[in-house]
Amino acid sequence: MTTSTEGAAKTRPAPLSGPLLRFRVSAYVTGVGLLALCATMVVEYGFGNATPAAVYSPIHGVLYMIYLVLTIDLAIKARWSIKSTVLVLLAGCVPFVSFLVERRVTHRVQAGQNIF
């Protein structure tokens, strides 16, 4: 009796697929959240209405903390260097950069390459 393992490799999920998916979602949510925070800052300082910023700033803080935890989870499982990990963590602090870094990290992790 013989068994074929040819199709098994294609259907078996990669060991980093779960942490990578969680990172990708959190990076996207953090990026959108940071843009929303910028909009609330424009409303606060440009129009003198501090209410949106007072409500949204803590929400953004929680979203960023979730991004930090999920990024560190991926970094540990993918065995990133401390420098790479810190750079990806800081990417969530600059508008639009989290989107760019998310794409780079996704491609590099899937290819099994170093991040930076």
PDB file of N, CA and C in Angstrom:
ATOM      1  N   MET A   1       0.839  -1.166   0.000  1.00  0.00           N
ATOM      2  CA  MET A   1       0.000   0.000   0.000  1.00  0.00           C
ATOM      3  C   MET A   1       0.894   1.242   0.000  1.00  0.00           C
ATOM      4  N   THR A   2       0.653   2.131  -0.899  1.00  0.00           N
ATOM      5  CA  THR A   2       1.433   3.353  -0.987  1.00  0.00           C
ATOM      6  C   THR A   2       0.534   4.545  -0.763  1.00  0.00           C
ATOM      7  N   THR A   3       1.120   5.577  -0.220  1.00  0.00           N
ATOM      8  CA  THR A   3       0.373   6.819  -0.017  1.00  0.00           C
ATOM      9  C   THR A   3       1.091   7.931  -0.735  1.00  0.00           C
ATOM     10  N   SER A   4       0.336   8.848  -1.222  1.00  0.00           N
ATOM     11  CA  SER A   4       0.916   9.984  -1.931  1.00  0.00           C
ATOM     12  C   SER A   4       0.911  11.194  -1.016  1.00  0.00           C
ATOM     13  N   THR A   5       2.044  11.808  -0.889  1.00  0.00           N
ATOM     14  CA  THR A   5       2.145  13.025  -0.073  1.00  0.00           C
ATOM     15  C   THR A   5       2.333  14.255  -0.947  1.00  0.00           C
ATOM     16  N   GLU A   6       2.144  14.070  -2.239  1.00  0.00           N
ATOM     17  CA  GLU A   6       2.361  15.183  -3.160  1.00  0.00           C
ATOM     18  C   GLU A   6       1.403  16.340  -2.896  1.00  0.00           C
ATOM     19  N   GLY A   7       0.125  16.077  -2.686  1.00  0.00           N
ATOM     20  CA  GLY A   7      -0.854  17.130  -2.447  1.00  0.00           C
ATOM     21  C   GLY A   7      -0.880  17.608  -1.011  1.00  0.00           C
ATOM     22  N   ALA A   8      -0.279  16.865  -0.087  1.00  0.00           N
ATOM     23  CA  ALA A   8      -0.326  17.232   1.328  1.00  0.00           C
ATOM     24  C   ALA A   8       0.436  18.508   1.611  1.00  0.00           C
ATOM     25  N   ALA A   9       1.551  18.733   0.924  1.00  0.00           N
ATOM     26  CA  ALA A   9       2.346  19.931   1.174  1.00  0.00           C
ATOM     27  C   ALA A   9       1.602  21.185   0.733  1.00  0.00           C
ATOM     28  N   LYS A  10       0.771  21.061  -0.271  1.00  0.00           N
ATOM     29  CA  LYS A  10       0.045  22.232  -0.762  1.00  0.00           C
ATOM     30  C   LYS A  10      -1.108  22.614   0.155  1.00  0.00           C
ATOM     31  N   THR A  11      -1.728  21.637   0.813  1.00  0.00           N
ATOM     32  CA  THR A  11      -2.882  21.929   1.641  1.00  0.00           C
ATOM     33  C   THR A  11      -2.516  22.219   3.090  1.00  0.00           C
ATOM     34  N   ARG A  12      -1.339  21.811   3.527  1.00  0.00           N
ATOM     35  CA  ARG A  12      -0.918  22.048   4.906  1.00  0.00           C
ATOM     36  C   ARG A  12      -0.545  23.518   5.085  1.00  0.00           C
ATOM     37  N   PRO A  13      -1.120  24.202   6.064  1.00  0.00           N
ATOM     38  CA  PRO A  13      -0.805  25.617   6.252  1.00  0.00           C
ATOM     39  C   PRO A  13       0.631  25.797   6.743  1.00  0.00           C
ATOM     40  N   ALA A  14       1.214  26.896   6.360  1.00  0.00           N
ATOM     41  CA  ALA A  14       2.567  27.223   6.808  1.00  0.00           C
ATOM     42  C   ALA A  14       2.540  27.489   8.308  1.00  0.00           C
ATOM     43  N   PRO A  15       3.634  27.205   9.023  1.00  0.00           N
ATOM     44  CA  PRO A  15       3.625  27.404  10.472  1.00  0.00           C
ATOM     45  C   PRO A  15       3.451  28.864  10.895  1.00  0.00           C
ATOM     46  N   LEU A  16       3.754  29.786  10.019  1.00  0.00           N
ATOM     47  CA  LEU A  16       3.619  31.210  10.367  1.00  0.00           C
ATOM     48  C   LEU A  16       2.357  31.841   9.791  1.00  0.00           C
ATOM     49  N   SER A  17       1.483  31.060   9.200  1.00  0.00           N
ATOM     50  CA  SER A  17       0.317  31.655   8.550  1.00  0.00           C
ATOM     51  C   SER A  17      -0.624  32.328   9.552  1.00  0.00           C
ATOM     52  N   GLY A  18      -0.834  31.726  10.726  1.00  0.00           N
ATOM     53  CA  GLY A  18      -1.702  32.336  11.736  1.00  0.00           C
ATOM     54  C   GLY A  18      -1.144  33.633  12.291  1.00  0.00           C
ATOM     55  N   PRO A  19       0.106  33.613  12.806  1.00  0.00           N
ATOM     56  CA  PRO A  19       0.673  34.865  13.307  1.00  0.00           C
ATOM     57  C   PRO A  19       0.805  35.936  12.224  1.00  0.00           C
ATOM     58  N   LEU A  20       1.100  35.515  10.994  1.00  0.00           N
ATOM     59  CA  LEU A  20       1.233  36.483   9.907  1.00  0.00           C
ATOM     60  C   LEU A  20      -0.112  37.125   9.584  1.00  0.00           C
ATOM     61  N   LEU A  21      -1.174  36.339   9.541  1.00  0.00           N
ATOM     62  CA  LEU A  21      -2.502  36.886   9.277  1.00  0.00           C
ATOM     63  C   LEU A  21      -2.920  37.852  10.372  1.00  0.00           C
ATOM     64  N   ARG A  22      -2.678  37.474  11.630  1.00  0.00           N
ATOM     65  CA  ARG A  22      -3.024  38.380  12.740  1.00  0.00           C
ATOM     66  C   ARG A  22      -2.227  39.675  12.652  1.00  0.00           C
ATOM     67  N   PHE A  23      -0.933  39.581  12.289  1.00  0.00           N
ATOM     68  CA  PHE A  23      -0.113  40.779  12.126  1.00  0.00           C
ATOM     69  C   PHE A  23      -0.647  41.653  11.007  1.00  0.00           C
ATOM     70  N   ARG A  24      -1.000  41.029   9.877  1.00  0.00           N
ATOM     71  CA  ARG A  24      -1.480  41.800   8.736  1.00  0.00           C
ATOM     72  C   ARG A  24      -2.750  42.576   9.072  1.00  0.00           C
ATOM     73  N   VAL A  25      -3.677  41.916   9.752  1.00  0.00           N
ATOM     74  CA  VAL A  25      -4.924  42.581  10.133  1.00  0.00           C
ATOM     75  C   VAL A  25      -4.638  43.721  11.105  1.00  0.00           C
ATOM     76  N   SER A  26      -3.785  43.461  12.099  1.00  0.00           N
ATOM     77  CA  SER A  26      -3.491  44.511  13.081  1.00  0.00           C
ATOM     78  C   SER A  26      -2.735  45.675  12.450  1.00  0.00           C
ATOM     79  N   ALA A  27      -1.848  45.404  11.487  1.00  0.00           N
ATOM     80  CA  ALA A  27      -1.118  46.484  10.820  1.00  0.00           C
ATOM     81  C   ALA A  27      -2.081  47.351  10.010  1.00  0.00           C
ATOM     82  N   TYR A  28      -3.016  46.713   9.333  1.00  0.00           N
ATOM     83  CA  TYR A  28      -3.995  47.469   8.557  1.00  0.00           C
ATOM     84  C   TYR A  28      -4.895  48.300   9.469  1.00  0.00           C
ATOM     85  N   VAL A  29      -5.394  47.688  10.530  1.00  0.00           N
ATOM     86  CA  VAL A  29      -6.271  48.397  11.468  1.00  0.00           C
ATOM     87  C   VAL A  29      -5.517  49.547  12.133  1.00  0.00           C
ATOM     88  N   THR A  30      -4.265  49.315  12.490  1.00  0.00           N
ATOM     89  CA  THR A  30      -3.451  50.372  13.107  1.00  0.00           C
ATOM     90  C   THR A  30      -3.214  51.512  12.127  1.00  0.00           C
ATOM     91  N   GLY A  31      -2.947  51.180  10.872  1.00  0.00           N
ATOM     92  CA  GLY A  31      -2.737  52.223   9.865  1.00  0.00           C
ATOM     93  C   GLY A  31      -3.971  53.078   9.659  1.00  0.00           C
ATOM     94  N   VAL A  32      -5.119  52.428   9.533  1.00  0.00           N
ATOM     95  CA  VAL A  32      -6.376  53.173   9.379  1.00  0.00           C
ATOM     96  C   VAL A  32      -6.661  53.971  10.651  1.00  0.00           C
ATOM     97  N   GLY A  33      -6.404  53.357  11.808  1.00  0.00           N
ATOM     98  CA  GLY A  33      -6.625  54.051  13.076  1.00  0.00           C
ATOM     99  C   GLY A  33      -5.745  55.270  13.240  1.00  0.00           C
ATOM    100  N   LEU A  34      -4.511  55.167  12.752  1.00  0.00           N
ATOM    101  CA  LEU A  34      -3.603  56.319  12.845  1.00  0.00           C
ATOM    102  C   LEU A  34      -4.069  57.448  11.937  1.00  0.00           C
ATOM    103  N   LEU A  35      -4.576  57.094  10.775  1.00  0.00           N
ATOM    104  CA  LEU A  35      -5.121  58.133   9.895  1.00  0.00           C
ATOM    105  C   LEU A  35      -6.348  58.786  10.520  1.00  0.00           C
ATOM    106  N   ALA A  36      -7.175  57.986  11.182  1.00  0.00           N
ATOM    107  CA  ALA A  36      -8.345  58.547  11.876  1.00  0.00           C
ATOM    108  C   ALA A  36      -7.897  59.456  13.017  1.00  0.00           C
ATOM    109  N   LEU A  37      -6.829  59.063  13.704  1.00  0.00           N
ATOM    110  CA  LEU A  37      -6.303  59.915  14.780  1.00  0.00           C
ATOM    111  C   LEU A  37      -5.808  61.246  14.215  1.00  0.00           C
ATOM    112  N   CYS A  38      -5.165  61.207  13.064  1.00  0.00           N
ATOM    113  CA  CYS A  38      -4.723  62.457  12.428  1.00  0.00           C
ATOM    114  C   CYS A  38      -5.914  63.341  12.091  1.00  0.00           C
ATOM    115  N   ALA A  39      -6.996  62.726  11.629  1.00  0.00           N
ATOM    116  CA  ALA A  39      -8.202  63.498  11.319  1.00  0.00           C
ATOM    117  C   ALA A  39      -8.784  64.128  12.581  1.00  0.00           C
ATOM    118  N   THR A  40      -8.776  63.396  13.696  1.00  0.00           N
ATOM    119  CA  THR A  40      -9.303  63.978  14.937  1.00  0.00           C
ATOM    120  C   THR A  40      -8.404  65.103  15.433  1.00  0.00           C
ATOM    121  N   MET A  41      -7.105  65.009  15.167  1.00  0.00           N
ATOM    122  CA  MET A  41      -6.196  66.092  15.561  1.00  0.00           C
ATOM    123  C   MET A  41      -6.469  67.352  14.731  1.00  0.00           C
ATOM    124  N   VAL A  42      -6.782  67.156  13.451  1.00  0.00           N
ATOM    125  CA  VAL A  42      -7.136  68.308  12.606  1.00  0.00           C
ATOM    126  C   VAL A  42      -8.409  68.961  13.138  1.00  0.00           C
ATOM    127  N   VAL A  43      -9.381  68.149  13.532  1.00  0.00           N
ATOM    128  CA  VAL A  43     -10.623  68.693  14.088  1.00  0.00           C
ATOM    129  C   VAL A  43     -10.340  69.424  15.394  1.00  0.00           C
ATOM    130  N   GLU A  44      -9.473  68.836  16.230  1.00  0.00           N
ATOM    131  CA  GLU A  44      -9.193  69.459  17.524  1.00  0.00           C
ATOM    132  C   GLU A  44      -8.437  70.774  17.381  1.00  0.00           C
ATOM    133  N   TYR A  45      -7.334  70.744  16.641  1.00  0.00           N
ATOM    134  CA  TYR A  45      -6.489  71.939  16.572  1.00  0.00           C
ATOM    135  C   TYR A  45      -6.895  72.906  15.472  1.00  0.00           C
ATOM    136  N   GLY A  46      -7.542  72.416  14.433  1.00  0.00           N
ATOM    137  CA  GLY A  46      -7.960  73.297  13.350  1.00  0.00           C
ATOM    138  C   GLY A  46      -9.304  73.952  13.589  1.00  0.00           C
ATOM    139  N   PHE A  47     -10.189  73.229  14.283  1.00  0.00           N
ATOM    140  CA  PHE A  47     -11.543  73.742  14.474  1.00  0.00           C
ATOM    141  C   PHE A  47     -11.912  73.936  15.943  1.00  0.00           C
ATOM    142  N   GLY A  48     -10.985  73.624  16.843  1.00  0.00           N
ATOM    143  CA  GLY A  48     -11.209  73.877  18.260  1.00  0.00           C
ATOM    144  C   GLY A  48     -12.169  72.925  18.943  1.00  0.00           C
ATOM    145  N   ASN A  49     -12.420  71.772  18.356  1.00  0.00           N
ATOM    146  CA  ASN A  49     -13.341  70.802  18.947  1.00  0.00           C
ATOM    147  C   ASN A  49     -12.521  69.607  19.451  1.00  0.00           C
ATOM    148  N   ALA A  50     -12.346  69.506  20.750  1.00  0.00           N
ATOM    149  CA  ALA A  50     -11.506  68.456  21.331  1.00  0.00           C
ATOM    150  C   ALA A  50     -12.268  67.166  21.610  1.00  0.00           C
ATOM    151  N   THR A  51     -13.558  67.143  21.433  1.00  0.00           N
ATOM    152  CA  THR A  51     -14.351  65.956  21.778  1.00  0.00           C
ATOM    153  C   THR A  51     -13.971  64.712  20.970  1.00  0.00           C
ATOM    154  N   PRO A  52     -13.845  64.787  19.627  1.00  0.00           N
ATOM    155  CA  PRO A  52     -13.480  63.569  18.890  1.00  0.00           C
ATOM    156  C   PRO A  52     -12.121  62.998  19.312  1.00  0.00           C
ATOM    157  N   ALA A  53     -11.157  63.854  19.544  1.00  0.00           N
ATOM    158  CA  ALA A  53      -9.833  63.391  19.955  1.00  0.00           C
ATOM    159  C   ALA A  53      -9.881  62.772  21.348  1.00  0.00           C
ATOM    160  N   ALA A  54     -10.666  63.357  22.233  1.00  0.00           N
ATOM    161  CA  ALA A  54     -10.779  62.821  23.593  1.00  0.00           C
ATOM    162  C   ALA A  54     -11.423  61.443  23.594  1.00  0.00           C
ATOM    163  N   VAL A  55     -12.335  61.224  22.671  1.00  0.00           N
ATOM    164  CA  VAL A  55     -13.005  59.923  22.587  1.00  0.00           C
ATOM    165  C   VAL A  55     -12.125  58.907  21.854  1.00  0.00           C
ATOM    166  N   TYR A  56     -11.515  59.306  20.757  1.00  0.00           N
ATOM    167  CA  TYR A  56     -10.819  58.348  19.902  1.00  0.00           C
ATOM    168  C   TYR A  56      -9.386  58.033  20.337  1.00  0.00           C
ATOM    169  N   SER A  57      -8.712  58.959  20.989  1.00  0.00           N
ATOM    170  CA  SER A  57      -7.311  58.729  21.370  1.00  0.00           C
ATOM    171  C   SER A  57      -7.111  57.465  22.207  1.00  0.00           C
ATOM    172  N   PRO A  58      -7.915  57.196  23.223  1.00  0.00           N
ATOM    173  CA  PRO A  58      -7.738  55.936  23.964  1.00  0.00           C
ATOM    174  C   PRO A  58      -8.008  54.699  23.110  1.00  0.00           C
ATOM    175  N   ILE A  59      -8.942  54.798  22.184  1.00  0.00           N
ATOM    176  CA  ILE A  59      -9.229  53.673  21.289  1.00  0.00           C
ATOM    177  C   ILE A  59      -8.010  53.383  20.431  1.00  0.00           C
ATOM    178  N   HIS A  60      -7.416  54.433  19.899  1.00  0.00           N
ATOM    179  CA  HIS A  60      -6.212  54.262  19.088  1.00  0.00           C
ATOM    180  C   HIS A  60      -5.073  53.661  19.925  1.00  0.00           C
ATOM    181  N   GLY A  61      -4.957  54.077  21.161  1.00  0.00           N
ATOM    182  CA  GLY A  61      -3.922  53.522  22.035  1.00  0.00           C
ATOM    183  C   GLY A  61      -4.075  52.022  22.226  1.00  0.00           C
ATOM    184  N   VAL A  62      -5.302  51.566  22.405  1.00  0.00           N
ATOM    185  CA  VAL A  62      -5.554  50.128  22.550  1.00  0.00           C
ATOM    186  C   VAL A  62      -5.241  49.395  21.254  1.00  0.00           C
ATOM    187  N   LEU A  63      -5.626  49.972  20.124  1.00  0.00           N
ATOM    188  CA  LEU A  63      -5.325  49.347  18.829  1.00  0.00           C
ATOM    189  C   LEU A  63      -3.821  49.219  18.623  1.00  0.00           C
ATOM    190  N   TYR A  64      -3.073  50.241  19.006  1.00  0.00           N
ATOM    191  CA  TYR A  64      -1.619  50.188  18.849  1.00  0.00           C
ATOM    192  C   TYR A  64      -1.001  49.148  19.786  1.00  0.00           C
ATOM    193  N   MET A  65      -1.518  49.022  20.990  1.00  0.00           N
ATOM    194  CA  MET A  65      -0.992  48.001  21.908  1.00  0.00           C
ATOM    195  C   MET A  65      -1.245  46.597  21.360  1.00  0.00           C
ATOM    196  N   ILE A  66      -2.390  46.383  20.743  1.00  0.00           N
ATOM    197  CA  ILE A  66      -2.674  45.092  20.120  1.00  0.00           C
ATOM    198  C   ILE A  66      -1.692  44.848  18.978  1.00  0.00           C
ATOM    199  N   TYR A  67      -1.417  45.883  18.194  1.00  0.00           N
ATOM    200  CA  TYR A  67      -0.418  45.783  17.116  1.00  0.00           C
ATOM    201  C   TYR A  67       0.947  45.393  17.677  1.00  0.00           C
ATOM    202  N   LEU A  68       1.335  45.998  18.790  1.00  0.00           N
ATOM    203  CA  LEU A  68       2.627  45.676  19.404  1.00  0.00           C
ATOM    204  C   LEU A  68       2.695  44.205  19.806  1.00  0.00           C
ATOM    205  N   VAL A  69       1.663  43.730  20.464  1.00  0.00           N
ATOM    206  CA  VAL A  69       1.652  42.342  20.939  1.00  0.00           C
ATOM    207  C   VAL A  69       1.700  41.368  19.763  1.00  0.00           C
ATOM    208  N   LEU A  70       0.898  41.611  18.736  1.00  0.00           N
ATOM    209  CA  LEU A  70       0.860  40.695  17.603  1.00  0.00           C
ATOM    210  C   LEU A  70       2.129  40.751  16.768  1.00  0.00           C
ATOM    211  N   THR A  71       2.768  41.916  16.707  1.00  0.00           N
ATOM    212  CA  THR A  71       4.041  42.024  16.007  1.00  0.00           C
ATOM    213  C   THR A  71       5.130  41.267  16.754  1.00  0.00           C
ATOM    214  N   ILE A  72       5.160  41.392  18.058  1.00  0.00           N
ATOM    215  CA  ILE A  72       6.154  40.663  18.848  1.00  0.00           C
ATOM    216  C   ILE A  72       5.910  39.160  18.753  1.00  0.00           C
ATOM    217  N   ASP A  73       4.652  38.747  18.721  1.00  0.00           N
ATOM    218  CA  ASP A  73       4.331  37.329  18.540  1.00  0.00           C
ATOM    219  C   ASP A  73       4.912  36.807  17.223  1.00  0.00           C
ATOM    220  N   LEU A  74       4.698  37.537  16.139  1.00  0.00           N
ATOM    221  CA  LEU A  74       5.245  37.131  14.843  1.00  0.00           C
ATOM    222  C   LEU A  74       6.763  37.172  14.853  1.00  0.00           C
ATOM    223  N   ALA A  75       7.325  38.194  15.474  1.00  0.00           N
ATOM    224  CA  ALA A  75       8.784  38.326  15.510  1.00  0.00           C
ATOM    225  C   ALA A  75       9.436  37.146  16.231  1.00  0.00           C
ATOM    226  N   ILE A  76       8.833  36.718  17.318  1.00  0.00           N
ATOM    227  CA  ILE A  76       9.381  35.577  18.058  1.00  0.00           C
ATOM    228  C   ILE A  76       9.281  34.304  17.227  1.00  0.00           C
ATOM    229  N   LYS A  77       8.136  34.091  16.613  1.00  0.00           N
ATOM    230  CA  LYS A  77       7.935  32.861  15.845  1.00  0.00           C
ATOM    231  C   LYS A  77       8.730  32.843  14.548  1.00  0.00           C
ATOM    232  N   ALA A  78       8.968  34.011  13.951  1.00  0.00           N
ATOM    233  CA  ALA A  78       9.746  34.088  12.712  1.00  0.00           C
ATOM    234  C   ALA A  78      11.236  34.311  12.986  1.00  0.00           C
ATOM    235  N   ARG A  79      11.586  34.470  14.260  1.00  0.00           N
ATOM    236  CA  ARG A  79      12.982  34.659  14.682  1.00  0.00           C
ATOM    237  C   ARG A  79      13.631  35.897  14.049  1.00  0.00           C
ATOM    238  N   TRP A  80      12.933  37.028  14.170  1.00  0.00           N
ATOM    239  CA  TRP A  80      13.477  38.281  13.676  1.00  0.00           C
ATOM    240  C   TRP A  80      14.557  38.765  14.627  1.00  0.00           C
ATOM    241  N   SER A  81      15.431  39.615  14.121  1.00  0.00           N
ATOM    242  CA  SER A  81      16.411  40.270  14.985  1.00  0.00           C
ATOM    243  C   SER A  81      15.708  41.368  15.783  1.00  0.00           C
ATOM    244  N   ILE A  82      16.368  41.825  16.821  1.00  0.00           N
ATOM    245  CA  ILE A  82      15.784  42.903  17.637  1.00  0.00           C
ATOM    246  C   ILE A  82      15.620  44.165  16.801  1.00  0.00           C
ATOM    247  N   LYS A  83      16.596  44.454  15.950  1.00  0.00           N
ATOM    248  CA  LYS A  83      16.529  45.640  15.093  1.00  0.00           C
ATOM    249  C   LYS A  83      15.302  45.569  14.177  1.00  0.00           C
ATOM    250  N   SER A  84      15.085  44.436  13.526  1.00  0.00           N
ATOM    251  CA  SER A  84      13.929  44.278  12.635  1.00  0.00           C
ATOM    252  C   SER A  84      12.626  44.428  13.411  1.00  0.00           C
ATOM    253  N   THR A  85      12.575  43.828  14.579  1.00  0.00           N
ATOM    254  CA  THR A  85      11.367  43.903  15.395  1.00  0.00           C
ATOM    255  C   THR A  85      11.055  45.347  15.785  1.00  0.00           C
ATOM    256  N   VAL A  86      12.054  46.068  16.241  1.00  0.00           N
ATOM    257  CA  VAL A  86      11.850  47.463  16.660  1.00  0.00           C
ATOM    258  C   VAL A  86      11.413  48.322  15.470  1.00  0.00           C
ATOM    259  N   LEU A  87      12.012  48.105  14.315  1.00  0.00           N
ATOM    260  CA  LEU A  87      11.630  48.892  13.141  1.00  0.00           C
ATOM    261  C   LEU A  87      10.181  48.622  12.724  1.00  0.00           C
ATOM    262  N   VAL A  88       9.759  47.378  12.790  1.00  0.00           N
ATOM    263  CA  VAL A  88       8.371  47.062  12.445  1.00  0.00           C
ATOM    264  C   VAL A  88       7.429  47.634  13.501  1.00  0.00           C
ATOM    265  N   LEU A  89       7.833  47.592  14.771  1.00  0.00           N
ATOM    266  CA  LEU A  89       7.002  48.186  15.826  1.00  0.00           C
ATOM    267  C   LEU A  89       6.851  49.689  15.623  1.00  0.00           C
ATOM    268  N   LEU A  90       7.916  50.356  15.237  1.00  0.00           N
ATOM    269  CA  LEU A  90       7.861  51.805  15.017  1.00  0.00           C
ATOM    270  C   LEU A  90       7.069  52.177  13.769  1.00  0.00           C
ATOM    271  N   ALA A  91       6.916  51.231  12.856  1.00  0.00           N
ATOM    272  CA  ALA A  91       6.156  51.514  11.630  1.00  0.00           C
ATOM    273  C   ALA A  91       4.704  51.858  11.941  1.00  0.00           C
ATOM    274  N   GLY A  92       4.206  51.399  13.067  1.00  0.00           N
ATOM    275  CA  GLY A  92       2.836  51.716  13.447  1.00  0.00           C
ATOM    276  C   GLY A  92       2.665  53.116  13.995  1.00  0.00           C
ATOM    277  N   CYS A  93       3.747  53.870  14.076  1.00  0.00           N
ATOM    278  CA  CYS A  93       3.693  55.238  14.624  1.00  0.00           C
ATOM    279  C   CYS A  93       3.627  56.314  13.547  1.00  0.00           C
ATOM    280  N   VAL A  94       3.897  55.955  12.309  1.00  0.00           N
ATOM    281  CA  VAL A  94       3.971  56.944  11.240  1.00  0.00           C
ATOM    282  C   VAL A  94       2.853  56.665  10.230  1.00  0.00           C
ATOM    283  N   PRO A  95       2.034  57.676   9.919  1.00  0.00           N
ATOM    284  CA  PRO A  95       0.947  57.451   8.961  1.00  0.00           C
ATOM    285  C   PRO A  95       1.452  56.869   7.637  1.00  0.00           C
ATOM    286  N   PHE A  96       0.729  55.928   7.107  1.00  0.00           N
ATOM    287  CA  PHE A  96       0.962  55.222   5.846  1.00  0.00           C
ATOM    288  C   PHE A  96       2.119  54.218   5.887  1.00  0.00           C
ATOM    289  N   VAL A  97       3.036  54.337   6.828  1.00  0.00           N
ATOM    290  CA  VAL A  97       4.184  53.435   6.855  1.00  0.00           C
ATOM    291  C   VAL A  97       3.771  52.020   7.253  1.00  0.00           C
ATOM    292  N   SER A  98       2.773  51.889   8.106  1.00  0.00           N
ATOM    293  CA  SER A  98       2.349  50.543   8.495  1.00  0.00           C
ATOM    294  C   SER A  98       1.832  49.758   7.296  1.00  0.00           C
ATOM    295  N   PHE A  99       1.232  50.431   6.333  1.00  0.00           N
ATOM    296  CA  PHE A  99       0.762  49.747   5.127  1.00  0.00           C
ATOM    297  C   PHE A  99       1.944  49.233   4.299  1.00  0.00           C
ATOM    298  N   LEU A 100       2.968  50.071   4.159  1.00  0.00           N
ATOM    299  CA  LEU A 100       4.143  49.672   3.382  1.00  0.00           C
ATOM    300  C   LEU A 100       4.909  48.539   4.060  1.00  0.00           C
ATOM    301  N   VAL A 101       5.091  48.658   5.358  1.00  0.00           N
ATOM    302  CA  VAL A 101       5.832  47.633   6.096  1.00  0.00           C
ATOM    303  C   VAL A 101       5.048  46.330   6.127  1.00  0.00           C
ATOM    304  N   GLU A 102       3.745  46.407   6.225  1.00  0.00           N
ATOM    305  CA  GLU A 102       2.925  45.186   6.220  1.00  0.00           C
ATOM    306  C   GLU A 102       3.138  44.409   4.927  1.00  0.00           C
ATOM    307  N   ARG A 103       3.165  45.077   3.796  1.00  0.00           N
ATOM    308  CA  ARG A 103       3.388  44.401   2.518  1.00  0.00           C
ATOM    309  C   ARG A 103       4.784  43.786   2.464  1.00  0.00           C
ATOM    310  N   ARG A 104       5.770  44.538   2.916  1.00  0.00           N
ATOM    311  CA  ARG A 104       7.152  44.037   2.897  1.00  0.00           C
ATOM    312  C   ARG A 104       7.295  42.829   3.816  1.00  0.00           C
ATOM    313  N   VAL A 105       6.763  42.925   5.015  1.00  0.00           N
ATOM    314  CA  VAL A 105       6.849  41.822   5.977  1.00  0.00           C
ATOM    315  C   VAL A 105       6.130  40.592   5.425  1.00  0.00           C
ATOM    316  N   THR A 106       4.965  40.777   4.849  1.00  0.00           N
ATOM    317  CA  THR A 106       4.208  39.649   4.309  1.00  0.00           C
ATOM    318  C   THR A 106       5.001  38.920   3.235  1.00  0.00           C
ATOM    319  N   HIS A 107       5.535  39.672   2.290  1.00  0.00           N
ATOM    320  CA  HIS A 107       6.295  39.043   1.208  1.00  0.00           C
ATOM    321  C   HIS A 107       7.553  38.355   1.726  1.00  0.00           C
ATOM    322  N   ARG A 108       8.246  38.999   2.647  1.00  0.00           N
ATOM    323  CA  ARG A 108       9.506  38.435   3.153  1.00  0.00           C
ATOM    324  C   ARG A 108       9.253  37.213   4.026  1.00  0.00           C
ATOM    325  N   VAL A 109       8.243  37.243   4.861  1.00  0.00           N
ATOM    326  CA  VAL A 109       7.950  36.096   5.728  1.00  0.00           C
ATOM    327  C   VAL A 109       7.498  34.901   4.889  1.00  0.00           C
ATOM    328  N   GLN A 110       6.657  35.154   3.902  1.00  0.00           N
ATOM    329  CA  GLN A 110       6.205  34.062   3.043  1.00  0.00           C
ATOM    330  C   GLN A 110       7.340  33.458   2.235  1.00  0.00           C
ATOM    331  N   ALA A 111       8.340  34.279   1.889  1.00  0.00           N
ATOM    332  CA  ALA A 111       9.489  33.793   1.129  1.00  0.00           C
ATOM    333  C   ALA A 111      10.571  33.209   2.043  1.00  0.00           C
ATOM    334  N   GLY A 112      10.410  33.391   3.349  1.00  0.00           N
ATOM    335  CA  GLY A 112      11.404  32.890   4.288  1.00  0.00           C
ATOM    336  C   GLY A 112      12.665  33.725   4.356  1.00  0.00           C
ATOM    337  N   GLN A 113      12.567  35.001   4.001  1.00  0.00           N
ATOM    338  CA  GLN A 113      13.716  35.906   3.977  1.00  0.00           C
ATOM    339  C   GLN A 113      13.747  36.760   5.238  1.00  0.00           C
ATOM    340  N   ASN A 114      14.877  37.435   5.446  1.00  0.00           N
ATOM    341  CA  ASN A 114      14.988  38.415   6.532  1.00  0.00           C
ATOM    342  C   ASN A 114      14.149  39.631   6.195  1.00  0.00           C
ATOM    343  N   ILE A 115      13.651  40.290   7.242  1.00  0.00           N
ATOM    344  CA  ILE A 115      12.771  41.448   7.038  1.00  0.00           C
ATOM    345  C   ILE A 115      13.559  42.652   6.522  1.00  0.00           C
ATOM    346  N   PHE A 116      14.662  42.981   7.179  1.00  0.00           N
ATOM    347  CA  PHE A 116      15.467  44.134   6.766  1.00  0.00           C
ATOM    348  C   PHE A 116      16.888  43.690   6.551  1.00  0.00           C
TER     349      PHE A 116
END
